């Protein structure tokens, strides 16, 4: 699909949440994605050097596409749920080739007296299915024992792991449910029915304390399942009916609960679930990421990412990037490519701070990519002397003063890691 074809269609695309489709010959679904703004998100596919910004797979998909379609939703939450459902149904090649779908998250509701609502990885789910067929499971008749449980509902895969976690927080505020840390009151042996932590903060309905019965709790988990099945209108009708019934019977506290759930469900779009297409919420923890580029007179360029967490180098989080599209000797361009490819990995946690090797040019390059993806993370530049020794830090003065040691550690690790990777790559090229 060409830029000119897209521009003709763009005027009709709403600035609203939803799910979009790239379609090939005979309306075959090539790719499915979700968006906070359908118009802005689709526009991002028709930019210069889409292969460097996203991936060669996505660039090839856009070239093959004959048309674009979309479904508008009332909220980003519903777009997230709908995207997972449609990917599961259509299995578009460009979605499945981007990464191993076993790393995607799934939502499961267990088959128990008081079902748990859990988020599990695809790999864990596959292992769980095998365990469910085991002799141990048959002997326990599906009861919870050493991590074995039957599944009543399963939804997913969800490609956007961090967004799913935020979505589950929102859903749990509307429909409080039991998780792994809550033991039903009747299953506690020789112990008082004490509330779990989630009960204290209103996220558990009282399974652990015996405040809620099985029938009422099953109604809650059924509503959660219906939400993931795209039946929001039906849930609202049931809540309206239950609210009227409770009010008629003068059960005013119960009626108030139904009214609160109905309002929250109706006004999901009023809640700041997700601020952008990827993960534009502020990161948690003290993760600092540093980036560096290494090359030999502009050739054989590579890039790296290093991570410092809580003041310590987290070497298992380091990543290497063999540069694909940036021009020889263009360090800001190389940085843009590396950071764009890093942000395409939505399963990686966001840092609190990004460190680049260089001054204004490199910092501006990083900020441009972050703005493009809507990610809110401050950038610090490490300025070097002629011997490549740090002689100054540029960026937010308060952040620099608070994290100067971690910034210099992350930068030194990035330089060391980049040089090592470049040498290894150069030796391999010489032997070919």
Protein backbone atom coordinates (compact mmCIF):
# COMPACT_ATOMS: atom_id res chain seq x y z
CA UNK A 1 0.00 0.00 0.00
CA UNK A 2 1.42 3.38 -1.00
CA UNK A 3 1.48 6.63 0.97
CA UNK A 4 -0.86 8.22 -1.59
CA UNK A 5 -3.43 5.44 -1.14
CA UNK A 6 -3.22 5.80 2.62
CA UNK A 7 -3.68 9.60 2.50
CA UNK A 8 -6.97 9.15 0.63
CA UNK A 9 -8.25 6.83 3.34
CA UNK A 10 -6.74 8.70 6.31
CA UNK A 11 -9.49 11.36 6.40
CA UNK A 12 -12.07 8.69 7.26
CA UNK A 13 -9.99 7.04 10.01
CA UNK A 14 -11.13 8.25 13.47
CA UNK A 15 -8.90 9.73 16.15
CA UNK A 16 -10.18 7.09 18.59
CA UNK A 17 -9.16 3.76 20.14
CA UNK A 18 -9.57 0.58 18.17
CA UNK A 19 -8.04 -2.31 16.28
CA UNK A 20 -6.66 -2.04 12.74
CA UNK A 21 -5.99 -4.60 10.01
CA UNK A 22 -3.58 -4.64 7.08
CA UNK A 23 -5.22 -6.71 4.35
CA UNK A 24 -3.61 -8.43 1.36
CA UNK A 25 -5.06 -10.21 -1.64
CA UNK A 26 -8.62 -11.50 -1.20
CA UNK A 27 -8.87 -9.52 2.07
CA UNK A 28 -6.42 -11.88 3.77
CA UNK A 29 -5.40 -10.48 7.18
CA UNK A 30 -1.66 -9.75 7.13
CA UNK A 31 -1.33 -7.93 10.44
CA UNK A 32 -3.49 -6.87 13.39
CA UNK A 33 -2.67 -4.10 15.86
CA UNK A 34 -4.40 -1.93 18.44
CA UNK A 35 -4.21 1.80 18.92
CA UNK A 36 -5.10 4.61 21.28
CA UNK A 37 -5.61 6.74 18.17
CA UNK A 38 -6.27 4.73 15.00
CA UNK A 39 -5.41 7.71 12.79
CA UNK A 40 -2.05 8.46 14.43
CA UNK A 41 -1.07 4.82 14.74
CA UNK A 42 -1.74 3.98 11.09
CA UNK A 43 0.06 7.14 9.98
CA UNK A 44 3.20 5.85 11.75
CA UNK A 45 3.48 2.97 9.25
CA UNK A 46 3.97 5.36 6.35
CA UNK A 47 7.19 7.03 7.40
CA UNK A 48 10.65 7.03 5.89
CA UNK A 49 12.72 3.93 6.72
CA UNK A 50 9.92 1.87 8.27
CA UNK A 51 12.25 -1.16 8.24
CA UNK A 52 14.71 0.58 10.55
CA UNK A 53 12.04 2.04 12.81
CA UNK A 54 9.93 -1.11 13.17
CA UNK A 55 11.34 -4.23 11.48
CA UNK A 56 11.90 -5.72 7.99
CA UNK A 57 8.91 -8.03 8.59
CA UNK A 58 6.59 -5.07 9.16
CA UNK A 59 8.07 -3.15 6.21
CA UNK A 60 7.45 -6.14 3.92
CA UNK A 61 3.92 -6.49 5.26
CA UNK A 62 3.11 -2.83 4.49
CA UNK A 63 4.41 -3.28 0.93
CA UNK A 64 2.19 -6.35 0.42
CA UNK A 65 -0.92 -4.73 1.90
CA UNK A 66 -3.69 -3.82 -0.53
CA UNK A 67 -5.96 -2.07 1.97
CA UNK A 68 -6.53 -1.12 5.61
CA UNK A 69 -9.56 -1.75 7.79
CA UNK A 70 -10.33 -1.03 11.43
CA UNK A 71 -12.81 -1.50 14.28
CA UNK A 72 -13.35 1.41 16.62
CA UNK A 73 -13.80 0.63 20.34
CA UNK A 74 -15.03 2.63 23.33
CA UNK A 75 -11.70 2.35 25.17
CA UNK A 76 -8.09 1.25 24.89
CA UNK A 77 -8.89 -1.61 27.28
CA UNK A 78 -11.44 -3.02 24.83
CA UNK A 79 -8.99 -2.52 21.95
CA UNK A 80 -6.36 -4.52 23.87
CA UNK A 81 -8.83 -7.37 24.48
CA UNK A 82 -10.17 -7.34 20.91
CA UNK A 83 -6.66 -7.39 19.42
CA UNK A 84 -5.76 -10.56 21.35
CA UNK A 85 -9.00 -12.25 20.32
CA UNK A 86 -8.51 -11.43 16.62
CA UNK A 87 -4.84 -12.45 16.58
CA UNK A 88 -5.84 -15.80 18.06
CA UNK A 89 -8.56 -16.24 15.43
CA UNK A 90 -6.62 -15.11 12.33
CA UNK A 91 -2.97 -15.86 13.30
CA UNK A 92 -1.55 -13.22 10.91
CA UNK A 93 1.96 -14.05 9.72
CA UNK A 94 3.42 -10.61 10.51
CA UNK A 95 2.19 -10.89 14.10
CA UNK A 96 3.51 -14.38 14.72
CA UNK A 97 6.89 -13.74 13.05
CA UNK A 98 7.73 -10.74 15.24
CA UNK A 99 8.58 -12.90 18.24
CA UNK A 100 7.91 -16.27 19.81
CA UNK A 101 4.25 -16.22 20.87
CA UNK A 102 5.14 -18.51 23.78
CA UNK A 103 6.49 -15.38 25.47
CA UNK A 104 3.09 -13.68 25.19
CA UNK A 105 0.81 -13.44 28.20
CA UNK A 106 -2.55 -15.15 28.64
CA UNK A 107 -5.36 -14.55 31.11
CA UNK A 108 -6.85 -17.66 32.70
CA UNK A 109 -9.76 -18.15 35.08
CA UNK A 110 -9.38 -21.35 37.06
CA UNK A 111 -11.98 -24.07 37.58
CA UNK A 112 -12.37 -23.99 41.36
CA UNK A 113 -15.00 -23.26 44.00
CA UNK A 114 -13.59 -19.73 44.14
CA UNK A 115 -11.80 -19.26 40.79
CA UNK A 116 -8.56 -17.32 40.56
CA UNK A 117 -7.87 -14.85 37.76
CA UNK A 118 -4.24 -15.16 36.68
CA UNK A 119 -1.85 -13.81 34.05
CA UNK A 120 0.48 -16.57 32.77
CA UNK A 121 3.12 -16.80 30.04
CA UNK A 122 2.51 -18.97 27.01
CA UNK A 123 5.36 -21.29 28.04
CA UNK A 124 3.85 -21.71 31.51
CA UNK A 125 0.43 -22.35 30.01
CA UNK A 126 1.80 -25.05 27.74
CA UNK A 127 3.48 -26.73 30.71
CA UNK A 128 0.29 -26.40 32.72
CA UNK A 129 -1.73 -28.14 30.01
CA UNK A 130 0.65 -31.08 30.16
CA UNK A 131 0.34 -31.24 33.93
CA UNK A 132 -3.44 -31.21 33.70
CA UNK A 133 -3.25 -34.51 31.81
CA UNK A 134 -1.04 -36.08 34.42
CA UNK A 135 -2.02 -38.79 36.87
CA UNK A 136 -1.55 -36.34 39.71
CA UNK A 137 -4.28 -34.12 38.31
CA UNK A 138 -6.71 -37.01 37.78
CA UNK A 139 -6.21 -38.21 41.34
CA UNK A 140 -6.89 -34.77 42.82
CA UNK A 141 -9.95 -34.29 40.56
CA UNK A 142 -8.92 -30.83 39.56
CA UNK A 143 -8.41 -29.42 43.03
CA UNK A 144 -5.56 -27.04 43.74
CA UNK A 145 -2.47 -28.96 44.83
CA UNK A 146 1.16 -27.98 44.34
CA UNK A 147 0.28 -25.55 41.57
CA UNK A 148 -2.02 -27.89 39.62
CA UNK A 149 -5.41 -26.49 38.63
CA UNK A 150 -7.98 -26.82 35.88
CA UNK A 151 -8.80 -23.91 33.57
CA UNK A 152 -12.36 -22.75 33.02
CA UNK A 153 -11.57 -19.81 30.69
CA UNK A 154 -8.45 -18.88 28.74
CA UNK A 155 -7.90 -15.64 26.82
CA UNK A 156 -4.96 -14.47 24.74
CA UNK A 157 -2.25 -14.34 23.59
CA UNK A 158 -1.70 -10.68 24.51
CA UNK A 159 1.37 -9.24 22.70
CA UNK A 160 1.56 -6.17 24.95
CA UNK A 161 2.59 -7.65 28.29
CA UNK A 162 2.97 -4.47 30.33
CA UNK A 163 -0.25 -3.02 28.99
CA UNK A 164 -2.07 -6.22 29.95
CA UNK A 165 -0.82 -5.84 33.52
CA UNK A 166 -2.17 -2.27 33.60
CA UNK A 167 -5.45 -3.50 32.10
CA UNK A 168 -5.81 -6.20 34.76
CA UNK A 169 -5.32 -3.57 37.47
CA UNK A 170 -8.21 -1.62 35.95
CA UNK A 171 -10.44 -4.69 35.59
CA UNK A 172 -9.73 -5.70 39.18
CA UNK A 173 -10.84 -2.29 40.43
CA UNK A 174 -14.16 -2.80 38.65
CA UNK A 175 -14.57 -6.51 39.46
CA UNK A 176 -12.45 -7.48 42.50
CA UNK A 177 -11.20 -11.08 42.25
CA UNK A 178 -9.05 -13.66 43.99
CA UNK A 179 -5.43 -14.26 42.95
CA UNK A 180 -2.70 -16.73 43.97
CA UNK A 181 -2.07 -14.96 47.27
CA UNK A 182 -5.64 -15.39 48.54
CA UNK A 183 -6.75 -18.66 50.18
CA UNK A 184 -10.51 -19.22 50.56
CA UNK A 185 -11.69 -19.11 54.14
CA UNK A 186 -12.98 -22.70 54.02
CA UNK A 187 -9.60 -24.06 52.89
CA UNK A 188 -7.61 -22.61 55.80
CA UNK A 189 -6.76 -25.42 58.21
CA UNK A 190 -6.58 -24.47 61.89
CA UNK A 191 -6.29 -20.83 60.92
CA UNK A 192 -8.59 -17.88 61.33
CA UNK A 193 -10.13 -16.42 58.19
CA UNK A 194 -7.82 -13.46 58.03
CA UNK A 195 -7.97 -11.05 55.08
CA UNK A 196 -5.27 -11.18 52.43
CA UNK A 197 -3.43 -8.00 51.43
CA UNK A 198 -5.65 -7.47 48.38
CA UNK A 199 -8.71 -7.56 50.65
CA UNK A 200 -7.23 -4.74 52.72
CA UNK A 201 -6.96 -2.51 49.62
CA UNK A 202 -10.31 -3.53 48.10
CA UNK A 203 -9.04 -5.74 45.26
CA UNK A 204 -10.29 -9.03 46.75
CA UNK A 205 -14.06 -9.30 47.44
CA UNK A 206 -13.53 -11.24 50.68
CA UNK A 207 -12.95 -14.82 49.55
CA UNK A 208 -10.31 -15.16 52.27
CA UNK A 209 -12.63 -13.90 55.01
CA UNK A 210 -15.83 -15.68 54.00
CA UNK A 211 -17.60 -12.39 53.20
CA UNK A 212 -18.70 -13.52 49.74
CA UNK A 213 -20.50 -16.70 48.74
CA UNK A 214 -19.75 -18.96 45.80
CA UNK A 215 -22.76 -17.88 43.72
CA UNK A 216 -22.03 -14.16 44.06
CA UNK A 217 -18.31 -14.65 43.38
CA UNK A 218 -18.99 -16.81 40.30
CA UNK A 219 -21.12 -13.96 38.96
CA UNK A 220 -18.07 -11.67 39.26
CA UNK A 221 -15.71 -14.06 37.43
CA UNK A 222 -18.37 -14.64 34.77
CA UNK A 223 -18.53 -10.89 34.16
CA UNK A 224 -14.73 -10.81 33.79
CA UNK A 225 -14.94 -13.64 31.25
CA UNK A 226 -17.71 -11.83 29.38
CA UNK A 227 -15.59 -8.68 29.24
CA UNK A 228 -12.78 -10.65 27.57
CA UNK A 229 -15.35 -12.16 25.20
CA UNK A 230 -16.40 -8.68 24.06
CA UNK A 231 -19.82 -8.78 25.76
CA UNK A 232 -19.67 -5.45 27.59
CA UNK A 233 -23.20 -4.45 26.58
CA UNK A 234 -24.61 -7.66 28.05
CA UNK A 235 -22.70 -7.09 31.32
CA UNK A 236 -24.14 -3.58 31.55
CA UNK A 237 -27.69 -4.89 31.06
CA UNK A 238 -27.17 -7.47 33.83
CA UNK A 239 -25.73 -4.85 36.19
CA UNK A 240 -28.65 -2.51 35.52
CA UNK A 241 -31.09 -5.35 36.24
CA UNK A 242 -29.27 -6.34 39.45
CA UNK A 243 -29.09 -2.71 40.60
CA UNK A 244 -32.85 -2.26 40.18
CA UNK A 245 -33.57 -5.55 41.96
CA UNK A 246 -31.31 -4.66 44.91
CA UNK A 247 -32.88 -1.21 45.22
CA UNK A 248 -36.39 -2.68 45.14
CA UNK A 249 -35.43 -5.09 47.94
CA UNK A 250 -33.89 -2.14 49.85
CA UNK A 251 -30.41 -3.69 49.68
CA UNK A 252 -28.88 -0.27 49.21
CA UNK A 253 -25.21 -1.20 49.75
CA UNK A 254 -25.52 -3.92 47.11
CA UNK A 255 -27.30 -1.54 44.73
CA UNK A 256 -24.53 1.02 45.24
CA UNK A 257 -21.89 -1.60 44.34
CA UNK A 258 -23.71 -2.49 41.11
CA UNK A 259 -24.10 1.20 40.27
CA UNK A 260 -20.37 1.81 40.83
CA UNK A 261 -19.45 -1.14 38.59
CA UNK A 262 -21.86 0.04 35.91
CA UNK A 263 -20.43 3.57 35.95
CA UNK A 264 -16.82 2.32 35.81
CA UNK A 265 -17.65 0.00 32.92
CA UNK A 266 -19.42 2.77 31.04
CA UNK A 267 -16.59 5.25 31.55
CA UNK A 268 -13.54 3.07 30.94
CA UNK A 269 -12.24 5.71 28.54
CA UNK A 270 -12.12 8.22 31.39
CA UNK A 271 -9.47 6.13 33.17
CA UNK A 272 -5.80 6.66 32.19
CA UNK A 273 -5.11 3.03 31.34
CA UNK A 274 -2.53 3.50 28.60
CA UNK A 275 -1.17 6.82 27.40
CA UNK A 276 0.12 5.70 24.01
CA UNK A 277 0.55 2.83 21.61
CA UNK A 278 3.41 1.24 23.51
CA UNK A 279 4.19 1.94 27.16
CA UNK A 280 4.10 5.67 27.84
CA UNK A 281 3.66 5.29 31.57
CA UNK A 282 6.49 6.22 33.89
CA UNK A 283 8.76 3.35 34.73
CA UNK A 284 8.98 1.83 38.19
CA UNK A 285 12.17 0.94 40.04
CA UNK A 286 15.66 2.31 39.39
CA UNK A 287 16.44 0.81 35.99
CA UNK A 288 18.88 2.87 33.93
CA UNK A 289 19.63 1.96 30.29
CA UNK A 290 22.76 3.14 28.46
CA UNK A 291 23.39 3.00 24.70
CA UNK A 292 26.60 3.13 22.69
CA UNK A 293 27.64 2.67 19.06
CA UNK A 294 30.93 1.12 17.92
CA UNK A 295 32.38 1.09 14.39
CA UNK A 296 35.66 1.17 12.47
CA UNK A 297 35.88 4.45 10.52
CA UNK A 298 32.14 4.28 10.01
CA UNK A 299 32.00 0.64 8.89
CA UNK A 300 30.89 -2.58 10.60
CA UNK A 301 28.76 -0.55 13.01
CA UNK A 302 27.04 -2.21 15.98
CA UNK A 303 25.02 -0.90 18.90
CA UNK A 304 24.44 -2.09 22.44
CA UNK A 305 22.19 -1.54 25.42
CA UNK A 306 23.40 -2.03 28.99
CA UNK A 307 21.33 -1.91 32.16
CA UNK A 308 22.03 -0.81 35.72
CA UNK A 309 19.37 -1.70 38.29
CA UNK A 310 19.50 -0.41 41.85
CA UNK A 311 23.12 0.66 41.33
CA UNK A 312 24.32 -2.73 40.02
CA UNK A 313 25.08 -3.80 36.44
CA UNK A 314 22.34 -6.24 35.34
CA UNK A 315 24.36 -8.12 32.71
CA UNK A 316 21.58 -10.58 31.88
CA UNK A 317 19.61 -7.57 30.56
CA UNK A 318 22.34 -6.41 28.13
CA UNK A 319 21.38 -6.49 24.44
CA UNK A 320 23.29 -6.32 21.13
CA UNK A 321 22.13 -4.76 17.85
CA UNK A 322 23.76 -5.33 14.49
CA UNK A 323 22.90 -2.14 12.61
CA UNK A 324 20.82 -2.53 9.46
CA UNK A 325 19.88 0.80 7.95
CA UNK A 326 21.86 3.72 9.45
CA UNK A 327 24.51 5.37 7.26
CA UNK A 328 28.22 4.82 7.92
CA UNK A 329 29.55 7.26 10.49
CA UNK A 330 26.10 8.60 11.41
CA UNK A 331 26.15 8.01 15.17
CA UNK A 332 22.85 9.84 15.90
CA UNK A 333 21.19 7.86 13.10
CA UNK A 334 22.61 4.61 14.49
CA UNK A 335 21.32 5.53 17.95
CA UNK A 336 17.86 6.21 16.51
CA UNK A 337 17.83 2.76 14.90
CA UNK A 338 18.96 0.98 18.07
CA UNK A 339 16.49 2.79 20.32
CA UNK A 340 13.62 2.23 17.86
CA UNK A 341 14.33 -1.50 17.75
CA UNK A 342 14.60 -1.59 21.53
CA UNK A 343 11.18 0.09 21.94
CA UNK A 344 9.63 -2.47 19.61
CA UNK A 345 10.22 -5.02 22.40
CA UNK A 346 7.13 -4.27 24.46
CA UNK A 347 7.91 -7.10 26.86
CA UNK A 348 11.06 -5.31 28.12
CA UNK A 349 10.47 -3.03 31.14
CA UNK A 350 10.90 0.70 30.68
CA UNK A 351 13.89 2.39 32.30
CA UNK A 352 13.63 5.38 34.61
CA UNK A 353 16.54 7.03 32.78
CA UNK A 354 18.29 6.65 29.41
CA UNK A 355 22.00 7.42 29.04
CA UNK A 356 23.57 8.14 25.64
CA UNK A 357 27.25 8.48 24.75
CA UNK A 358 27.50 12.04 23.43
CA UNK A 359 26.01 15.48 23.80
CA UNK A 360 23.25 17.47 22.10
CA UNK A 361 23.07 15.52 18.80
CA UNK A 362 22.79 12.13 20.48
CA UNK A 363 20.38 13.39 23.15
CA UNK A 364 18.11 14.96 20.51
CA UNK A 365 18.19 11.75 18.47
CA UNK A 366 17.07 9.73 21.50
CA UNK A 367 14.38 12.25 22.44
CA UNK A 368 13.00 12.19 18.92
CA UNK A 369 12.55 8.41 19.00
CA UNK A 370 11.02 8.49 22.49
CA UNK A 371 8.56 11.18 21.37
CA UNK A 372 7.66 9.14 18.31
CA UNK A 373 6.76 6.20 20.53
CA UNK A 374 5.17 8.38 23.20
CA UNK A 375 7.53 7.11 25.90
CA UNK A 376 8.13 9.45 28.84
CA UNK A 377 11.72 8.81 29.96
CA UNK A 378 14.38 11.51 30.59
CA UNK A 379 17.67 11.38 28.64
CA UNK A 380 21.18 12.15 29.93
CA UNK A 381 24.26 12.59 27.73
CA UNK A 382 27.83 11.70 28.75
CA UNK A 383 30.31 14.11 27.13
CA UNK A 384 33.83 12.68 26.58
CA UNK A 385 37.28 14.19 26.11
CA UNK A 386 39.75 13.30 23.32
CA UNK A 387 40.76 10.15 25.25
CA UNK A 388 37.14 9.12 25.58
CA UNK A 389 37.05 9.87 29.29
CA UNK A 390 33.88 11.44 30.79
CA UNK A 391 34.27 15.19 31.29
CA UNK A 392 30.64 16.15 31.91
CA UNK A 393 26.98 15.09 32.08
CA UNK A 394 24.18 16.87 30.26
CA UNK A 395 20.49 16.64 31.11
CA UNK A 396 18.21 17.24 34.07
CA UNK A 397 20.53 18.58 36.80
CA UNK A 398 18.57 17.00 39.66
CA UNK A 399 18.63 13.56 38.00
CA UNK A 400 22.33 13.90 37.17
CA UNK A 401 23.17 14.82 40.76
CA UNK A 402 21.08 11.98 42.18
CA UNK A 403 22.28 9.24 39.81
CA UNK A 404 25.76 10.37 38.67
CA UNK A 405 27.49 7.16 39.84
CA UNK A 406 24.92 4.90 38.15
CA UNK A 407 25.00 7.00 34.96
CA UNK A 408 28.78 6.71 34.67
CA UNK A 409 28.66 2.98 35.45
CA UNK A 410 26.01 2.35 32.80
CA UNK A 411 27.94 4.42 30.24
CA UNK A 412 31.26 2.68 31.00
CA UNK A 413 29.57 -0.71 30.67
CA UNK A 414 27.99 0.33 27.36
CA UNK A 415 31.37 1.43 25.98
CA UNK A 416 33.08 -1.79 27.13
CA UNK A 417 30.26 -3.99 25.82
CA UNK A 418 30.10 -2.17 22.45
CA UNK A 419 33.86 -2.46 21.86
CA UNK A 420 33.78 -6.16 22.74
CA UNK A 421 30.84 -6.84 20.44
CA UNK A 422 32.43 -4.86 17.59
CA UNK A 423 35.69 -6.80 17.87
CA UNK A 424 33.85 -10.13 17.85
CA UNK A 425 31.78 -9.09 14.83
CA UNK A 426 34.84 -7.77 12.95
CA UNK A 427 36.78 -11.02 13.52
CA UNK A 428 33.87 -13.06 12.22
CA UNK A 429 33.66 -10.87 9.09
CA UNK A 430 37.39 -11.32 8.45
CA UNK A 431 37.09 -15.12 8.58
CA UNK A 432 34.21 -15.25 6.09
